[in-house]
Amino acid sequence: MSDAPTLTPSEAFELLLAGNQRFTAGTPEHPNQDAARRAETAPAQRPFAVLFGCSDSRLAAEIIFDRGLGDLFVVRTAGHVAGPEVLGSIEYAVSVLDCPLVVVLGHDTCGAVAATRTALTDGVMATGYVRDVIERVTPSVLAARAAGLTEDDDIIAEHIRHTVDLLLDRSRVLADQVTAGQVAVVGLSYRLADGSARVVTTRGLP
């Protein structure tokens, strides 16, 4: 069906990074995007990675990692904020679909982080459910401030690290699989201008 049953967390990560390198180089292969792959994956899915990323329209996972149908189990929210639905989706991917890799994907000039910084500085909170997003990003921004971080990239990296820690703190299923060496969790920061994804933090990789 796919590579997933035989991939270790490290192999899955290498496969993902290779796709991003093709994308940034302008030489994508567009794998697994044809009619044959559609037919092959129709009966069941076996993705090799969970991609939990920001909903930003420029972070289309299968494009920036040059993958296709059945390769990535994608979960996206504004500012990659994690609630019960996100945690349940990720647990489903690692415990039922046997995904060996979970990636938290943030990016530069993230609107959710910028809105949170503005709210904390001006004291003016957003209305509606946007407020909920800002409240979930707030601990990351406060932690960055406490550490003396002022640059956008550093604050976004702190938010990515915080999200990785939150997933492992709140999901016993995920934490146990990482401890057992069956799953790795990686935080990546994507650069909109050049399309590259750099490593911010890893859990469960050698």
N, C-alpha and C. Protein backbone atom coordinates (compact mmCIF):
# COMPACT_ATOMS: atom_id res chain seq x y z
N MET A 1 0.83 -1.20 0.00
CA MET A 1 0.00 0.00 0.00
C MET A 1 0.87 1.26 0.00
N SER A 2 1.80 1.35 0.98
CA SER A 2 2.75 2.46 1.01
C SER A 2 3.97 2.00 1.79
N ASP A 3 4.87 2.96 2.03
CA ASP A 3 6.10 2.61 2.72
C ASP A 3 5.92 2.47 4.22
N ALA A 4 4.78 2.88 4.75
CA ALA A 4 4.63 3.05 6.19
C ALA A 4 4.94 1.82 7.03
N PRO A 5 4.49 0.60 6.68
CA PRO A 5 4.70 -0.53 7.58
C PRO A 5 6.16 -0.84 7.87
N THR A 6 7.07 -0.48 6.96
CA THR A 6 8.46 -0.85 7.14
C THR A 6 9.34 0.33 7.57
N LEU A 7 8.78 1.51 7.66
CA LEU A 7 9.59 2.68 7.97
C LEU A 7 9.79 2.86 9.47
N THR A 8 11.03 3.14 9.86
CA THR A 8 11.30 3.59 11.22
C THR A 8 11.00 5.08 11.29
N PRO A 9 10.90 5.64 12.50
CA PRO A 9 10.70 7.09 12.59
C PRO A 9 11.77 7.87 11.85
N SER A 10 13.03 7.44 11.95
CA SER A 10 14.12 8.14 11.26
C SER A 10 13.96 8.06 9.75
N GLU A 11 13.59 6.89 9.24
CA GLU A 11 13.40 6.73 7.80
C GLU A 11 12.25 7.58 7.29
N ALA A 12 11.17 7.65 8.08
CA ALA A 12 10.03 8.48 7.69
C ALA A 12 10.43 9.95 7.64
N PHE A 13 11.24 10.37 8.59
CA PHE A 13 11.69 11.77 8.63
C PHE A 13 12.58 12.07 7.43
N GLU A 14 13.47 11.15 7.10
CA GLU A 14 14.35 11.34 5.92
C GLU A 14 13.52 11.45 4.65
N LEU A 15 12.48 10.62 4.54
CA LEU A 15 11.62 10.65 3.37
C LEU A 15 10.90 11.99 3.26
N LEU A 16 10.45 12.49 4.39
CA LEU A 16 9.75 13.78 4.40
C LEU A 16 10.70 14.91 4.01
N LEU A 17 11.89 14.93 4.60
CA LEU A 17 12.85 15.99 4.30
C LEU A 17 13.30 15.94 2.84
N ALA A 18 13.44 14.75 2.29
CA ALA A 18 13.84 14.63 0.89
C ALA A 18 12.83 15.29 -0.02
N GLY A 19 11.55 15.13 0.31
CA GLY A 19 10.51 15.77 -0.48
C GLY A 19 10.58 17.28 -0.39
N ASN A 20 10.86 17.81 0.81
CA ASN A 20 10.98 19.25 0.97
C ASN A 20 12.19 19.79 0.20
N GLN A 21 13.27 19.02 0.19
CA GLN A 21 14.45 19.44 -0.56
C GLN A 21 14.17 19.51 -2.06
N ARG A 22 13.38 18.55 -2.57
CA ARG A 22 12.99 18.61 -3.98
C ARG A 22 12.14 19.84 -4.26
N PHE A 23 11.23 20.14 -3.32
CA PHE A 23 10.34 21.29 -3.49
C PHE A 23 11.14 22.59 -3.52
N THR A 24 12.05 22.75 -2.57
CA THR A 24 12.82 24.00 -2.51
C THR A 24 13.75 24.14 -3.71
N ALA A 25 14.22 23.01 -4.25
CA ALA A 25 15.12 23.05 -5.40
C ALA A 25 14.37 23.26 -6.71
N GLY A 26 13.04 23.20 -6.66
CA GLY A 26 12.26 23.36 -7.87
C GLY A 26 12.24 22.13 -8.75
N THR A 27 12.49 20.96 -8.12
CA THR A 27 12.52 19.70 -8.89
C THR A 27 11.56 18.67 -8.28
N PRO A 28 10.30 19.04 -8.05
CA PRO A 28 9.37 18.08 -7.44
C PRO A 28 9.09 16.91 -8.37
N GLU A 29 8.83 15.76 -7.77
CA GLU A 29 8.53 14.55 -8.54
C GLU A 29 7.03 14.25 -8.55
N HIS A 30 6.28 14.91 -7.67
CA HIS A 30 4.83 14.69 -7.56
C HIS A 30 4.49 13.21 -7.44
N PRO A 31 5.10 12.50 -6.48
CA PRO A 31 4.85 11.06 -6.37
C PRO A 31 3.45 10.74 -5.87
N ASN A 32 2.97 9.58 -6.25
CA ASN A 32 1.70 9.05 -5.72
C ASN A 32 0.51 9.97 -5.98
N GLN A 33 0.50 10.61 -7.14
CA GLN A 33 -0.59 11.53 -7.47
C GLN A 33 -1.35 11.11 -8.73
N ASP A 34 -1.18 9.86 -9.14
CA ASP A 34 -1.82 9.42 -10.37
C ASP A 34 -3.01 8.50 -10.09
N ALA A 35 -3.66 8.06 -11.16
CA ALA A 35 -4.84 7.22 -11.02
C ALA A 35 -4.51 5.88 -10.38
N ALA A 36 -3.32 5.36 -10.66
CA ALA A 36 -2.93 4.08 -10.07
C ALA A 36 -2.84 4.19 -8.55
N ARG A 37 -2.27 5.28 -8.07
CA ARG A 37 -2.17 5.48 -6.63
C ARG A 37 -3.56 5.68 -6.01
N ARG A 38 -4.42 6.38 -6.73
CA ARG A 38 -5.78 6.58 -6.24
C ARG A 38 -6.47 5.23 -6.04
N ALA A 39 -6.32 4.35 -7.00
CA ALA A 39 -6.94 3.03 -6.91
C ALA A 39 -6.29 2.20 -5.81
N GLU A 40 -4.98 2.32 -5.68
CA GLU A 40 -4.23 1.53 -4.69
C GLU A 40 -4.63 1.89 -3.27
N THR A 41 -4.87 3.17 -3.03
CA THR A 41 -5.16 3.62 -1.67
C THR A 41 -6.64 3.64 -1.34
N ALA A 42 -7.50 3.38 -2.32
CA ALA A 42 -8.94 3.43 -2.06
C ALA A 42 -9.40 2.47 -0.95
N PRO A 43 -8.88 1.25 -0.88
CA PRO A 43 -9.36 0.33 0.16
C PRO A 43 -8.92 0.70 1.58
N ALA A 44 -7.75 1.29 1.72
CA ALA A 44 -7.22 1.60 3.06
C ALA A 44 -6.08 2.61 2.93
N GLN A 45 -5.80 3.29 4.05
CA GLN A 45 -4.70 4.25 4.06
C GLN A 45 -3.61 3.81 5.03
N ARG A 46 -2.38 4.05 4.66
CA ARG A 46 -1.24 3.80 5.55
C ARG A 46 -0.22 4.92 5.40
N PRO A 47 -0.55 6.11 5.84
CA PRO A 47 0.38 7.23 5.72
C PRO A 47 1.63 7.00 6.55
N PHE A 48 2.74 7.59 6.11
CA PHE A 48 3.99 7.40 6.85
C PHE A 48 4.26 8.52 7.84
N ALA A 49 3.45 9.60 7.81
CA ALA A 49 3.66 10.70 8.75
C ALA A 49 2.36 11.43 9.03
N VAL A 50 2.27 11.94 10.26
CA VAL A 50 1.20 12.87 10.63
C VAL A 50 1.78 14.27 10.49
N LEU A 51 1.07 15.13 9.81
CA LEU A 51 1.52 16.50 9.66
C LEU A 51 0.52 17.40 10.38
N PHE A 52 0.90 17.88 11.56
CA PHE A 52 0.06 18.81 12.32
C PHE A 52 0.62 20.21 12.11
N GLY A 53 -0.06 20.99 11.28
CA GLY A 53 0.48 22.28 10.92
C GLY A 53 -0.50 23.42 11.07
N CYS A 54 0.01 24.62 10.84
CA CYS A 54 -0.82 25.81 10.83
C CYS A 54 -1.72 25.77 9.59
N SER A 55 -2.90 26.34 9.71
CA SER A 55 -3.87 26.35 8.61
C SER A 55 -3.51 27.33 7.49
N ASP A 56 -2.47 28.11 7.67
CA ASP A 56 -2.07 29.09 6.66
C ASP A 56 -2.12 28.48 5.26
N SER A 57 -2.73 29.21 4.33
CA SER A 57 -2.97 28.69 2.98
C SER A 57 -1.69 28.39 2.21
N ARG A 58 -0.57 28.91 2.70
CA ARG A 58 0.72 28.68 2.01
C ARG A 58 1.46 27.45 2.53
N LEU A 59 0.83 26.73 3.47
CA LEU A 59 1.47 25.55 4.05
C LEU A 59 0.81 24.25 3.59
N ALA A 60 0.52 24.14 2.32
CA ALA A 60 -0.12 22.93 1.79
C ALA A 60 0.86 21.76 1.90
N ALA A 61 0.58 20.86 2.82
CA ALA A 61 1.56 19.84 3.22
C ALA A 61 2.07 18.98 2.07
N GLU A 62 1.14 18.43 1.27
CA GLU A 62 1.57 17.53 0.20
C GLU A 62 2.41 18.25 -0.85
N ILE A 63 2.21 19.55 -0.99
CA ILE A 63 3.00 20.30 -1.97
C ILE A 63 4.39 20.60 -1.45
N ILE A 64 4.48 21.14 -0.24
CA ILE A 64 5.79 21.57 0.24
C ILE A 64 6.69 20.40 0.64
N PHE A 65 6.10 19.21 0.82
CA PHE A 65 6.91 18.02 1.08
C PHE A 65 6.89 17.05 -0.10
N ASP A 66 6.36 17.49 -1.23
CA ASP A 66 6.34 16.72 -2.47
C ASP A 66 5.89 15.28 -2.26
N ARG A 67 4.70 15.14 -1.73
CA ARG A 67 4.11 13.81 -1.51
C ARG A 67 2.76 13.72 -2.22
N GLY A 68 2.08 12.60 -2.07
CA GLY A 68 0.82 12.40 -2.77
C GLY A 68 -0.23 11.72 -1.93
N LEU A 69 -1.16 11.07 -2.61
CA LEU A 69 -2.29 10.42 -1.94
C LEU A 69 -1.81 9.32 -1.00
N GLY A 70 -2.36 9.32 0.20
CA GLY A 70 -2.05 8.25 1.15
C GLY A 70 -0.73 8.39 1.87
N ASP A 71 0.01 9.48 1.63
CA ASP A 71 1.33 9.63 2.26
C ASP A 71 1.29 10.33 3.62
N LEU A 72 0.47 11.38 3.71
CA LEU A 72 0.46 12.21 4.92
C LEU A 72 -0.94 12.27 5.52
N PHE A 73 -0.99 12.13 6.85
CA PHE A 73 -2.25 12.32 7.59
C PHE A 73 -2.19 13.73 8.14
N VAL A 74 -2.99 14.63 7.56
CA VAL A 74 -2.82 16.05 7.81
C VAL A 74 -3.89 16.60 8.76
N VAL A 75 -3.43 17.30 9.80
CA VAL A 75 -4.29 17.98 10.76
C VAL A 75 -3.81 19.43 10.82
N ARG A 76 -4.70 20.38 10.60
CA ARG A 76 -4.27 21.78 10.58
C ARG A 76 -5.25 22.67 11.33
N THR A 77 -4.70 23.57 12.14
CA THR A 77 -5.48 24.59 12.83
C THR A 77 -4.70 25.91 12.77
N ALA A 78 -5.39 27.01 12.95
CA ALA A 78 -4.70 28.30 13.01
C ALA A 78 -3.68 28.28 14.14
N GLY A 79 -2.44 28.63 13.80
CA GLY A 79 -1.39 28.66 14.82
C GLY A 79 -1.04 27.30 15.38
N HIS A 80 -1.38 26.24 14.67
CA HIS A 80 -1.24 24.86 15.15
C HIS A 80 -1.56 24.74 16.64
N VAL A 81 -2.73 25.27 17.03
CA VAL A 81 -3.19 25.12 18.41
C VAL A 81 -3.88 23.77 18.55
N ALA A 82 -3.63 23.11 19.68
CA ALA A 82 -4.07 21.72 19.86
C ALA A 82 -5.16 21.61 20.91
N GLY A 83 -6.35 21.18 20.50
CA GLY A 83 -7.43 20.85 21.40
C GLY A 83 -7.70 19.36 21.36
N PRO A 84 -8.78 18.90 21.98
CA PRO A 84 -9.08 17.46 22.02
C PRO A 84 -9.21 16.81 20.64
N GLU A 85 -9.81 17.54 19.70
CA GLU A 85 -9.99 16.96 18.36
C GLU A 85 -8.65 16.71 17.69
N VAL A 86 -7.72 17.63 17.87
CA VAL A 86 -6.38 17.46 17.30
C VAL A 86 -5.68 16.27 17.95
N LEU A 87 -5.72 16.21 19.27
CA LEU A 87 -5.07 15.11 19.98
C LEU A 87 -5.67 13.77 19.58
N GLY A 88 -6.99 13.72 19.46
CA GLY A 88 -7.64 12.48 19.04
C GLY A 88 -7.25 12.08 17.63
N SER A 89 -7.14 13.05 16.75
CA SER A 89 -6.74 12.77 15.36
C SER A 89 -5.32 12.21 15.30
N ILE A 90 -4.42 12.82 16.08
CA ILE A 90 -3.04 12.36 16.09
C ILE A 90 -2.93 10.97 16.71
N GLU A 91 -3.66 10.75 17.80
CA GLU A 91 -3.64 9.43 18.42
C GLU A 91 -4.18 8.36 17.47
N TYR A 92 -5.21 8.71 16.71
CA TYR A 92 -5.75 7.76 15.72
C TYR A 92 -4.67 7.41 14.69
N ALA A 93 -3.94 8.41 14.25
CA ALA A 93 -2.92 8.17 13.22
C ALA A 93 -1.79 7.28 13.72
N VAL A 94 -1.36 7.48 14.97
CA VAL A 94 -0.23 6.69 15.44
C VAL A 94 -0.66 5.32 15.99
N SER A 95 -1.87 5.22 16.54
CA SER A 95 -2.27 3.96 17.17
C SER A 95 -3.05 3.04 16.23
N VAL A 96 -3.80 3.61 15.30
CA VAL A 96 -4.60 2.81 14.37
C VAL A 96 -3.92 2.68 13.01
N LEU A 97 -3.37 3.80 12.51
CA LEU A 97 -2.73 3.79 11.19
C LEU A 97 -1.23 3.51 11.26
N ASP A 98 -0.69 3.40 12.48
CA ASP A 98 0.73 3.06 12.68
C ASP A 98 1.70 4.06 12.05
N CYS A 99 1.37 5.34 12.07
CA CYS A 99 2.30 6.36 11.57
C CYS A 99 3.51 6.44 12.50
N PRO A 100 4.73 6.34 11.96
CA PRO A 100 5.92 6.38 12.81
C PRO A 100 6.44 7.79 13.10
N LEU A 101 5.81 8.80 12.50
CA LEU A 101 6.33 10.16 12.62
C LEU A 101 5.19 11.16 12.78
N VAL A 102 5.35 12.08 13.75
CA VAL A 102 4.43 13.19 13.93
C VAL A 102 5.24 14.48 13.77
N VAL A 103 4.79 15.36 12.89
CA VAL A 103 5.48 16.62 12.64
C VAL A 103 4.58 17.78 13.03
N VAL A 104 5.12 18.69 13.83
CA VAL A 104 4.46 19.96 14.12
C VAL A 104 5.10 20.99 13.20
N LEU A 105 4.28 21.60 12.34
CA LEU A 105 4.81 22.52 11.34
C LEU A 105 4.32 23.94 11.59
N GLY A 106 5.25 24.79 12.03
CA GLY A 106 4.97 26.22 12.15
C GLY A 106 5.64 26.96 11.01
N HIS A 107 5.53 28.29 11.03
CA HIS A 107 6.13 29.04 9.91
C HIS A 107 6.38 30.48 10.32
N ASP A 108 7.26 31.14 9.56
CA ASP A 108 7.57 32.54 9.85
C ASP A 108 6.36 33.42 9.54
N THR A 109 6.34 34.59 10.14
CA THR A 109 5.25 35.56 10.03
C THR A 109 3.88 34.92 10.25
N CYS A 110 3.79 34.09 11.28
CA CYS A 110 2.52 33.42 11.60
C CYS A 110 1.53 34.44 12.15
N GLY A 111 0.35 34.50 11.54
CA GLY A 111 -0.65 35.47 11.95
C GLY A 111 -1.17 35.25 13.35
N ALA A 112 -1.29 33.98 13.76
CA ALA A 112 -1.79 33.69 15.10
C ALA A 112 -0.81 34.17 16.17
N VAL A 113 0.48 33.97 15.91
CA VAL A 113 1.49 34.43 16.86
C VAL A 113 1.53 35.96 16.89
N ALA A 114 1.45 36.57 15.72
CA ALA A 114 1.46 38.04 15.65
C ALA A 114 0.25 38.63 16.38
N ALA A 115 -0.92 38.02 16.18
CA ALA A 115 -2.13 38.51 16.85
C ALA A 115 -2.02 38.37 18.36
N THR A 116 -1.39 37.29 18.80
CA THR A 116 -1.21 37.07 20.24
C THR A 116 -0.26 38.11 20.83
N ARG A 117 0.82 38.37 20.13
CA ARG A 117 1.77 39.39 20.61
C ARG A 117 1.10 40.76 20.71
N THR A 118 0.28 41.08 19.72
CA THR A 118 -0.42 42.37 19.72
C THR A 118 -1.41 42.44 20.88
N ALA A 119 -2.14 41.34 21.09
CA ALA A 119 -3.12 41.32 22.18
C ALA A 119 -2.45 41.49 23.53
N LEU A 120 -1.29 40.86 23.71
CA LEU A 120 -0.58 40.98 24.99
C LEU A 120 0.02 42.37 25.17
N THR A 121 0.45 42.98 24.08
CA THR A 121 1.05 44.31 24.15
C THR A 121 0.00 45.40 24.36
N ASP A 122 -1.09 45.31 23.59
CA ASP A 122 -2.12 46.36 23.62
C ASP A 122 -3.22 46.10 24.64
N GLY A 123 -3.32 44.84 25.09
CA GLY A 123 -4.36 44.51 26.04
C GLY A 123 -5.74 44.42 25.43
N VAL A 124 -5.81 44.35 24.10
CA VAL A 124 -7.09 44.26 23.41
C VAL A 124 -7.25 42.85 22.85
N MET A 125 -8.21 42.10 23.38
CA MET A 125 -8.40 40.72 22.97
C MET A 125 -9.38 40.63 21.81
N ALA A 126 -9.14 39.66 20.92
CA ALA A 126 -10.04 39.44 19.79
C ALA A 126 -11.39 38.91 20.30
N THR A 127 -12.38 38.94 19.42
CA THR A 127 -13.70 38.44 19.78
C THR A 127 -13.95 37.08 19.14
N GLY A 128 -15.05 36.47 19.52
CA GLY A 128 -15.42 35.18 18.93
C GLY A 128 -14.39 34.10 19.24
N TYR A 129 -14.34 33.12 18.37
CA TYR A 129 -13.44 32.00 18.60
C TYR A 129 -11.98 32.29 18.25
N VAL A 130 -11.75 33.42 17.59
CA VAL A 130 -10.36 33.84 17.38
C VAL A 130 -9.69 34.05 18.73
N ARG A 131 -10.48 34.50 19.69
CA ARG A 131 -9.94 34.70 21.05
C ARG A 131 -9.41 33.39 21.62
N ASP A 132 -10.09 32.28 21.33
CA ASP A 132 -9.65 30.98 21.82
C ASP A 132 -8.29 30.60 21.23
N VAL A 133 -8.11 30.90 19.95
CA VAL A 133 -6.82 30.63 19.31
C VAL A 133 -5.72 31.43 20.00
N ILE A 134 -5.97 32.72 20.21
CA ILE A 134 -4.97 33.58 20.85
C ILE A 134 -4.66 33.10 22.26
N GLU A 135 -5.68 32.70 23.00
CA GLU A 135 -5.44 32.20 24.36
C GLU A 135 -4.56 30.96 24.36
N ARG A 136 -4.69 30.12 23.34
CA ARG A 136 -3.88 28.90 23.28
C ARG A 136 -2.44 29.17 22.85
N VAL A 137 -2.23 30.28 22.14
CA VAL A 137 -0.87 30.65 21.73
C VAL A 137 -0.17 31.45 22.83
N THR A 138 -0.95 32.08 23.70
CA THR A 138 -0.40 32.97 24.71
C THR A 138 0.70 32.34 25.58
N PRO A 139 0.56 31.09 26.07
CA PRO A 139 1.64 30.54 26.90
C PRO A 139 2.99 30.49 26.17
N SER A 140 2.97 30.24 24.88
CA SER A 140 4.22 30.19 24.11
C SER A 140 4.86 31.56 24.04
N VAL A 141 4.05 32.58 23.78
CA VAL A 141 4.59 33.93 23.67
C VAL A 141 5.10 34.42 25.02
N LEU A 142 4.39 34.09 26.09
CA LEU A 142 4.85 34.48 27.43
C LEU A 142 6.15 33.77 27.79
N ALA A 143 6.27 32.50 27.42
CA ALA A 143 7.51 31.75 27.68
C ALA A 143 8.67 32.35 26.90
N ALA A 144 8.41 32.76 25.67
CA ALA A 144 9.46 33.39 24.87
C ALA A 144 9.90 34.70 25.50
N ARG A 145 8.94 35.48 25.97
CA ARG A 145 9.27 36.74 26.64
C ARG A 145 10.10 36.50 27.89
N ALA A 146 9.71 35.50 28.67
CA ALA A 146 10.43 35.19 29.91
C ALA A 146 11.87 34.78 29.62
N ALA A 147 12.08 34.17 28.44
CA ALA A 147 13.43 33.75 28.05
C ALA A 147 14.21 34.87 27.37
N GLY A 148 13.59 36.03 27.26
CA GLY A 148 14.27 37.17 26.65
C GLY A 148 14.29 37.15 25.14
N LEU A 149 13.41 36.35 24.52
CA LEU A 149 13.37 36.25 23.06
C LEU A 149 12.52 37.38 22.49
N THR A 150 13.05 38.07 21.50
CA THR A 150 12.32 39.20 20.90
C THR A 150 12.14 39.07 19.39
N GLU A 151 12.99 38.27 18.74
CA GLU A 151 12.88 38.12 17.29
C GLU A 151 11.71 37.21 16.93
N ASP A 152 11.04 37.55 15.82
CA ASP A 152 9.89 36.76 15.39
C ASP A 152 10.22 35.28 15.25
N ASP A 153 11.34 34.97 14.57
CA ASP A 153 11.71 33.58 14.34
C ASP A 153 11.91 32.82 15.64
N ASP A 154 12.49 33.48 16.63
CA ASP A 154 12.74 32.84 17.92
C ASP A 154 11.44 32.58 18.68
N ILE A 155 10.52 33.52 18.59
CA ILE A 155 9.23 33.35 19.27
C ILE A 155 8.42 32.25 18.60
N ILE A 156 8.45 32.19 17.28
CA ILE A 156 7.75 31.13 16.55
C ILE A 156 8.37 29.77 16.88
N ALA A 157 9.69 29.71 16.96
CA ALA A 157 10.35 28.45 17.34
C ALA A 157 9.92 28.01 18.73
N GLU A 158 9.78 28.96 19.64
CA GLU A 158 9.32 28.64 20.99
C GLU A 158 7.90 28.09 20.96
N HIS A 159 7.06 28.65 20.11
CA HIS A 159 5.69 28.16 19.98
C HIS A 159 5.66 26.73 19.42
N ILE A 160 6.54 26.45 18.48
CA ILE A 160 6.64 25.10 17.92
C ILE A 160 7.09 24.11 19.00
N ARG A 161 8.12 24.49 19.77
CA ARG A 161 8.59 23.63 20.87
C ARG A 161 7.49 23.41 21.89
N HIS A 162 6.76 24.47 22.21
CA HIS A 162 5.68 24.37 23.18
C HIS A 162 4.60 23.41 22.69
N THR A 163 4.29 23.46 21.40
CA THR A 163 3.28 22.57 20.85
C THR A 163 3.73 21.12 20.91
N VAL A 164 4.98 20.86 20.59
CA VAL A 164 5.52 19.49 20.69
C VAL A 164 5.42 19.00 22.13
N ASP A 165 5.82 19.82 23.07
CA ASP A 165 5.76 19.44 24.49
C ASP A 165 4.31 19.20 24.93
N LEU A 166 3.41 20.04 24.46
CA LEU A 166 2.00 19.91 24.84
C LEU A 166 1.43 18.58 24.34
N LEU A 167 1.75 18.21 23.10
CA LEU A 167 1.25 16.94 22.55
C LEU A 167 1.71 15.77 23.42
N LEU A 168 2.97 15.79 23.80
CA LEU A 168 3.52 14.69 24.58
C LEU A 168 3.04 14.71 26.03
N ASP A 169 2.80 15.91 26.55
CA ASP A 169 2.29 16.02 27.92
C ASP A 169 0.84 15.56 28.02
N ARG A 170 0.04 15.89 27.02
CA ARG A 170 -1.39 15.61 27.09
C ARG A 170 -1.80 14.26 26.54
N SER A 171 -0.99 13.69 25.66
CA SER A 171 -1.36 12.41 25.06
C SER A 171 -0.46 11.29 25.59
N ARG A 172 -0.99 10.47 26.47
CA ARG A 172 -0.24 9.32 26.98
C ARG A 172 0.03 8.32 25.85
N VAL A 173 -0.94 8.20 24.94
CA VAL A 173 -0.77 7.29 23.80
C VAL A 173 0.48 7.66 23.01
N LEU A 174 0.60 8.94 22.67
CA LEU A 174 1.74 9.40 21.89
C LEU A 174 3.03 9.30 22.68
N ALA A 175 3.01 9.73 23.94
CA ALA A 175 4.22 9.70 24.77
C ALA A 175 4.74 8.28 24.92
N ASP A 176 3.83 7.32 25.13
CA ASP A 176 4.25 5.92 25.29
C ASP A 176 4.88 5.37 24.02
N GLN A 177 4.34 5.75 22.87
CA GLN A 177 4.90 5.26 21.61
C GLN A 177 6.28 5.87 21.35
N VAL A 178 6.46 7.13 21.75
CA VAL A 178 7.78 7.75 21.62
C VAL A 178 8.78 7.05 22.54
N THR A 179 8.37 6.80 23.78
CA THR A 179 9.25 6.11 24.73
C THR A 179 9.63 4.73 24.24
N ALA A 180 8.70 4.06 23.56
CA ALA A 180 8.95 2.70 23.05
C ALA A 180 9.77 2.70 21.77
N GLY A 181 10.05 3.89 21.23
CA GLY A 181 10.84 3.97 20.01
C GLY A 181 10.05 3.71 18.74
N GLN A 182 8.73 3.70 18.85
CA GLN A 182 7.89 3.41 17.69
C GLN A 182 7.51 4.67 16.91
N VAL A 183 7.55 5.81 17.57
CA VAL A 183 7.14 7.08 16.96
C VAL A 183 8.13 8.17 17.37
N ALA A 184 8.38 9.10 16.46
CA ALA A 184 9.13 10.30 16.78
C ALA A 184 8.24 11.52 16.54
N VAL A 185 8.50 12.57 17.31
CA VAL A 185 7.79 13.84 17.13
C VAL A 185 8.84 14.90 16.80
N VAL A 186 8.59 15.63 15.72
CA VAL A 186 9.56 16.62 15.24
C VAL A 186 8.85 17.95 15.06
N GLY A 187 9.50 19.03 15.48
CA GLY A 187 8.99 20.37 15.24
C GLY A 187 9.78 21.03 14.13
N LEU A 188 9.09 21.50 13.11
CA LEU A 188 9.73 22.15 11.97
C LEU A 188 9.21 23.57 11.81
N SER A 189 10.07 24.46 11.35
CA SER A 189 9.66 25.83 11.04
C SER A 189 9.85 26.06 9.55
N TYR A 190 8.77 26.43 8.88
CA TYR A 190 8.77 26.60 7.43
C TYR A 190 8.99 28.06 7.07
N ARG A 191 9.84 28.28 6.08
CA ARG A 191 10.11 29.64 5.61
C ARG A 191 9.32 29.89 4.33
N LEU A 192 8.42 30.85 4.37
CA LEU A 192 7.53 31.09 3.25
C LEU A 192 8.28 31.49 1.98
N ALA A 193 9.33 32.26 2.10
CA ALA A 193 10.01 32.79 0.92
C ALA A 193 10.75 31.72 0.12
N ASP A 194 11.48 30.84 0.83
CA ASP A 194 12.27 29.86 0.09
C ASP A 194 11.72 28.44 0.15
N GLY A 195 10.68 28.21 0.96
CA GLY A 195 10.03 26.91 0.99
C GLY A 195 10.74 25.85 1.82
N SER A 196 11.74 26.26 2.59
CA SER A 196 12.50 25.27 3.36
C SER A 196 11.89 25.04 4.73
N ALA A 197 12.04 23.83 5.24
CA ALA A 197 11.55 23.47 6.58
C ALA A 197 12.76 23.11 7.42
N ARG A 198 13.03 23.88 8.47
CA ARG A 198 14.20 23.62 9.31
C ARG A 198 13.76 22.99 10.63
N VAL A 199 14.63 22.19 11.19
CA VAL A 199 14.34 21.47 12.43
C VAL A 199 14.46 22.42 13.62
N VAL A 200 13.42 22.45 14.45
CA VAL A 200 13.43 23.22 15.69
C VAL A 200 13.67 22.32 16.89
N THR A 201 13.01 21.17 16.92
CA THR A 201 13.15 20.25 18.05
C THR A 201 12.76 18.85 17.61
N THR A 202 13.31 17.84 18.27
CA THR A 202 12.96 16.45 17.98
C THR A 202 12.79 15.68 19.27
N ARG A 203 11.89 14.71 19.25
CA ARG A 203 11.70 13.77 20.34
C ARG A 203 11.61 12.37 19.73
N GLY A 204 12.47 11.49 20.19
CA GLY A 204 12.40 10.11 19.73
C GLY A 204 13.26 9.78 18.53
N LEU A 205 14.07 10.72 18.08
CA LEU A 205 15.02 10.43 17.00
C LEU A 205 16.41 10.24 17.60
N PRO A 206 17.24 9.42 16.98
CA PRO A 206 18.60 9.19 17.51
C PRO A 206 19.41 10.47 17.54
